[in-house]
C-alpha atoms as a PDB file:
ATOM      1  CA  UNK A   1       0.000   0.000   0.000  1.00  0.00           C
ATOM      2  CA  UNK A   2       1.186   3.499  -0.851  1.00  0.00           C
ATOM      3  CA  UNK A   3       1.941   6.103   1.810  1.00  0.00           C
ATOM      4  CA  UNK A   4      -0.680   8.856   1.984  1.00  0.00           C
ATOM      5  CA  UNK A   5       0.999  11.005   4.618  1.00  0.00           C
ATOM      6  CA  UNK A   6       2.879  13.607   2.597  1.00  0.00           C
ATOM      7  CA  UNK A   7       0.541  13.910  -0.387  1.00  0.00           C
ATOM      8  CA  UNK A   8      -2.837  13.737   1.350  1.00  0.00           C
ATOM      9  CA  UNK A   9      -2.956  13.509   5.124  1.00  0.00           C
ATOM     10  CA  UNK A  10      -0.347  16.116   6.090  1.00  0.00           C
ATOM     11  CA  UNK A  11      -1.709  18.818   3.729  1.00  0.00           C
ATOM     12  CA  UNK A  12      -5.226  18.186   5.096  1.00  0.00           C
ATOM     13  CA  UNK A  13      -3.976  18.333   8.685  1.00  0.00           C
ATOM     14  CA  UNK A  14      -2.032  21.526   7.992  1.00  0.00           C
ATOM     15  CA  UNK A  15      -5.087  23.161   6.388  1.00  0.00           C
ATOM     16  CA  UNK A  16      -7.280  22.136   9.339  1.00  0.00           C
ATOM     17  CA  UNK A  17      -4.854  23.524  11.923  1.00  0.00           C
ATOM     18  CA  UNK A  18      -4.489  26.775   9.975  1.00  0.00           C
ATOM     19  CA  UNK A  19      -8.244  27.153   9.527  1.00  0.00           C
ATOM     20  CA  UNK A  20      -9.022  26.496  13.191  1.00  0.00           C
ATOM     21  CA  UNK A  21      -6.311  28.880  14.325  1.00  0.00           C
ATOM     22  CA  UNK A  22      -7.595  31.684  12.099  1.00  0.00           C
ATOM     23  CA  UNK A  23     -11.247  31.085  12.994  1.00  0.00           C
ATOM     24  CA  UNK A  24     -10.440  31.197  16.736  1.00  0.00           C
ATOM     25  CA  UNK A  25     -13.480  29.097  17.619  1.00  0.00           C
ATOM     26  CA  UNK A  26     -15.952  31.219  15.676  1.00  0.00           C
ATOM     27  CA  UNK A  27     -16.467  28.595  12.966  1.00  0.00           C
ATOM     28  CA  UNK A  28     -15.347  25.083  12.119  1.00  0.00           C
ATOM     29  CA  UNK A  29     -14.048  23.943   8.750  1.00  0.00           C
ATOM     30  CA  UNK A  30     -16.172  21.644   6.671  1.00  0.00           C
ATOM     31  CA  UNK A  31     -14.245  19.186   4.553  1.00  0.00           C
ATOM     32  CA  UNK A  32     -15.369  20.964   1.378  1.00  0.00           C
ATOM     33  CA  UNK A  33     -13.498  24.052   2.677  1.00  0.00           C
ATOM     34  CA  UNK A  34     -10.366  21.971   3.191  1.00  0.00           C
ATOM     35  CA  UNK A  35     -10.713  20.418  -0.276  1.00  0.00           C
ATOM     36  CA  UNK A  36     -10.786  23.907  -1.766  1.00  0.00           C
ATOM     37  CA  UNK A  37      -7.671  24.977   0.148  1.00  0.00           C
ATOM     38  CA  UNK A  38      -5.655  21.826  -0.573  1.00  0.00           C
ATOM     39  CA  UNK A  39      -6.814  21.234  -4.136  1.00  0.00           C
ATOM     40  CA  UNK A  40      -7.757  17.658  -3.237  1.00  0.00           C
ATOM     41  CA  UNK A  41     -11.063  16.030  -4.100  1.00  0.00           C
ATOM     42  CA  UNK A  42     -13.599  16.043  -1.253  1.00  0.00           C
ATOM     43  CA  UNK A  43     -13.565  12.225  -1.125  1.00  0.00           C
ATOM     44  CA  UNK A  44      -9.758  12.300  -0.647  1.00  0.00           C
ATOM     45  CA  UNK A  45     -10.100  14.880   2.136  1.00  0.00           C
ATOM     46  CA  UNK A  46     -12.716  12.598   3.707  1.00  0.00           C
ATOM     47  CA  UNK A  47     -10.310   9.663   3.570  1.00  0.00           C
ATOM     48  CA  UNK A  48      -7.577  11.792   5.101  1.00  0.00           C
ATOM     49  CA  UNK A  49      -9.922  12.999   7.838  1.00  0.00           C
ATOM     50  CA  UNK A  50     -10.878   9.431   8.726  1.00  0.00           C
ATOM     51  CA  UNK A  51      -7.194   8.471   8.917  1.00  0.00           C
ATOM     52  CA  UNK A  52      -6.368  11.527  11.020  1.00  0.00           C
ATOM     53  CA  UNK A  53      -9.285  10.794  13.331  1.00  0.00           C
ATOM     54  CA  UNK A  54      -8.201   7.176  13.794  1.00  0.00           C
ATOM     55  CA  UNK A  55      -4.737   8.457  14.785  1.00  0.00           C
ATOM     56  CA  UNK A  56      -6.312  10.753  17.403  1.00  0.00           C
ATOM     57  CA  UNK A  57      -5.162  13.917  15.637  1.00  0.00           C
ATOM     58  CA  UNK A  58      -8.562  15.488  14.884  1.00  0.00           C
ATOM     59  CA  UNK A  59     -12.099  15.521  16.211  1.00  0.00           C
ATOM     60  CA  UNK A  60     -14.173  14.667  13.136  1.00  0.00           C
ATOM     61  CA  UNK A  61     -17.931  15.244  13.197  1.00  0.00           C
ATOM     62  CA  UNK A  62     -19.748  13.347  10.464  1.00  0.00           C
ATOM     63  CA  UNK A  63     -23.172  14.260   9.130  1.00  0.00           C
ATOM     64  CA  UNK A  64     -25.559  12.587   6.742  1.00  0.00           C
ATOM     65  CA  UNK A  65     -24.858  15.240   4.099  1.00  0.00           C
ATOM     66  CA  UNK A  66     -21.762  13.549   2.708  1.00  0.00           C
ATOM     67  CA  UNK A  67     -18.035  14.070   3.131  1.00  0.00           C
ATOM     68  CA  UNK A  68     -18.159  17.747   2.197  1.00  0.00           C
ATOM     69  CA  UNK A  69     -20.405  18.658   5.123  1.00  0.00           C
ATOM     70  CA  UNK A  70     -18.356  16.802   7.740  1.00  0.00           C
ATOM     71  CA  UNK A  71     -16.573  19.260  10.005  1.00  0.00           C
ATOM     72  CA  UNK A  72     -13.674  19.399  12.442  1.00  0.00           C
ATOM     73  CA  UNK A  73     -14.126  21.412  15.649  1.00  0.00           C
ATOM     74  CA  UNK A  74     -10.719  20.588  17.154  1.00  0.00           C
ATOM     75  CA  UNK A  75      -7.254  19.169  16.567  1.00  0.00           C
ATOM     76  CA  UNK A  76      -4.847  17.682  19.101  1.00  0.00           C
ATOM     77  CA  UNK A  77      -1.632  19.191  20.393  1.00  0.00           C
ATOM     78  CA  UNK A  78       0.230  16.477  18.526  1.00  0.00           C
ATOM     79  CA  UNK A  79      -1.439  17.663  15.302  1.00  0.00           C
ATOM     80  CA  UNK A  80      -0.145  21.166  15.976  1.00  0.00           C
ATOM     81  CA  UNK A  81       3.370  19.777  16.552  1.00  0.00           C
ATOM     82  CA  UNK A  82       3.258  17.682  13.372  1.00  0.00           C
ATOM     83  CA  UNK A  83       2.511  20.716  11.205  1.00  0.00           C
ATOM     84  CA  UNK A  84       5.088  22.848  13.010  1.00  0.00           C
ATOM     85  CA  UNK A  85       2.728  25.221  14.787  1.00  0.00           C
ATOM     86  CA  UNK A  86       4.014  24.053  18.175  1.00  0.00           C
ATOM     87  CA  UNK A  87       7.623  22.998  18.592  1.00  0.00           C
ATOM     88  CA  UNK A  88       8.742  19.646  19.888  1.00  0.00           C
ATOM     89  CA  UNK A  89      11.290  19.932  22.697  1.00  0.00           C
ATOM     90  CA  UNK A  90      14.005  18.956  20.194  1.00  0.00           C
ATOM     91  CA  UNK A  91      12.939  21.697  17.763  1.00  0.00           C
ATOM     92  CA  UNK A  92      12.862  24.200  20.613  1.00  0.00           C
ATOM     93  CA  UNK A  93      16.420  23.290  21.660  1.00  0.00           C
ATOM     94  CA  UNK A  94      17.578  23.591  18.041  1.00  0.00           C
ATOM     95  CA  UNK A  95      16.055  27.073  17.848  1.00  0.00           C
ATOM     96  CA  UNK A  96      17.722  28.102  21.112  1.00  0.00           C
ATOM     97  CA  UNK A  97      21.103  26.815  19.899  1.00  0.00           C
ATOM     98  CA  UNK A  98      20.706  28.672  16.586  1.00  0.00           C
ATOM     99  CA  UNK A  99      19.755  31.910  18.339  1.00  0.00           C
ATOM    100  CA  UNK A 100      22.679  31.601  20.751  1.00  0.00           C
ATOM    101  CA  UNK A 101      25.049  31.102  17.822  1.00  0.00           C
ATOM    102  CA  UNK A 102      23.567  34.090  15.993  1.00  0.00           C
ATOM    103  CA  UNK A 103      23.950  36.208  19.139  1.00  0.00           C
ATOM    104  CA  UNK A 104      27.567  35.071  19.445  1.00  0.00           C
ATOM    105  CA  UNK A 105      28.228  36.007  15.821  1.00  0.00           C
ATOM    106  CA  UNK A 106      26.930  39.531  16.471  1.00  0.00           C
ATOM    107  CA  UNK A 107      28.615  40.036  19.857  1.00  0.00           C
ATOM    108  CA  UNK A 108      31.551  42.449  19.857  1.00  0.00           C
ATOM    109  CA  UNK A 109      32.837  41.663  23.355  1.00  0.00           C
ATOM    110  CA  UNK A 110      35.235  38.692  23.002  1.00  0.00           C
ATOM    111  CA  UNK A 111      34.428  37.237  26.442  1.00  0.00           C
ATOM    112  CA  UNK A 112      30.662  37.369  25.913  1.00  0.00           C
ATOM    113  CA  UNK A 113      31.054  36.004  22.369  1.00  0.00           C
ATOM    114  CA  UNK A 114      33.040  33.072  23.763  1.00  0.00           C
ATOM    115  CA  UNK A 115      30.403  32.330  26.435  1.00  0.00           C
ATOM    116  CA  UNK A 116      27.570  32.493  23.934  1.00  0.00           C
ATOM    117  CA  UNK A 117      29.392  30.117  21.580  1.00  0.00           C
ATOM    118  CA  UNK A 118      29.997  27.742  24.472  1.00  0.00           C
ATOM    119  CA  UNK A 119      26.286  27.785  25.361  1.00  0.00           C
ATOM    120  CA  UNK A 120      25.312  27.238  21.722  1.00  0.00           C
ATOM    121  CA  UNK A 121      27.742  24.348  21.478  1.00  0.00           C
ATOM    122  CA  UNK A 122      26.392  22.793  24.693  1.00  0.00           C
ATOM    123  CA  UNK A 123      22.799  23.069  23.507  1.00  0.00           C
ATOM    124  CA  UNK A 124      23.698  21.265  20.297  1.00  0.00           C
ATOM    125  CA  UNK A 125      26.274  18.878  21.741  1.00  0.00           C
ATOM    126  CA  UNK A 126      26.849  16.790  24.828  1.00  0.00           C
ATOM    127  CA  UNK A 127      24.385  18.680  27.031  1.00  0.00           C
ATOM    128  CA  UNK A 128      21.622  18.410  24.400  1.00  0.00           C
ATOM    129  CA  UNK A 129      19.728  15.709  26.308  1.00  0.00           C
ATOM    130  CA  UNK A 130      19.643  17.908  29.413  1.00  0.00           C
ATOM    131  CA  UNK A 131      18.402  20.869  27.377  1.00  0.00           C
ATOM    132  CA  UNK A 132      15.698  18.669  25.772  1.00  0.00           C
ATOM    133  CA  UNK A 133      14.591  17.385  29.194  1.00  0.00           C
ATOM    134  CA  UNK A 134      14.350  20.944  30.502  1.00  0.00           C
ATOM    135  CA  UNK A 135      12.454  22.078  27.386  1.00  0.00           C
ATOM    136  CA  UNK A 136      10.080  19.123  27.741  1.00  0.00           C
ATOM    137  CA  UNK A 137       9.342  20.052  31.355  1.00  0.00           C
ATOM    138  CA  UNK A 138       8.790  23.731  30.500  1.00  0.00           C
ATOM    139  CA  UNK A 139       6.526  22.990  27.518  1.00  0.00           C
ATOM    140  CA  UNK A 140       4.529  20.432  29.532  1.00  0.00           C
ATOM    141  CA  UNK A 141       4.085  22.844  32.428  1.00  0.00           C
ATOM    142  CA  UNK A 142       2.947  25.651  30.103  1.00  0.00           C
ATOM    143  CA  UNK A 143       0.386  23.320  28.529  1.00  0.00           C
ATOM    144  CA  UNK A 144      -1.000  22.186  31.878  1.00  0.00           C
ATOM    145  CA  UNK A 145       0.723  18.792  31.783  1.00  0.00           C
END
C-alpha cells in the first residue's frame, strides 16, 4: 500500500490547523473548505480525515450530508506539533542553539562572544539531552501537563 501522509494527510492536517487557528473558535471547517484549500477532491479529504481521526489527531464530526459537510471542531496538540505550529522539545532546543550562535556572531565583546558560543555548542552537543529534558518540562508545564 502506498503512503498517503505527505501527499494527502499532512496537507489536510495543515489546512485544518491553519483554519481552526484563524477562525479562533468562531467557525469550524467543513471538509469541502479543506478540499478547496488543498486542491484535493472532497472524497480524498474525507479519507484523510478518517485516517487523522483514527490516529487521534482530529475531532471529526460526520453528518448525513456527505463528506463535504463533515466538520472538524478541534485538533490535538500532537497535530499542531506535526505541522510545526508548536515545537517539539528537540525543535525548541535547536532554535535556542541557533539563536545563541547568531547572538555570538553579532557580539563584539570577546568574552561574551566566547560564552555564547559555548552555550550554543552545549545546547547542540553533549548537554543536548539535558536541554531537551528541561524544554520538555517547561513545555509540559505551560500546557497544563
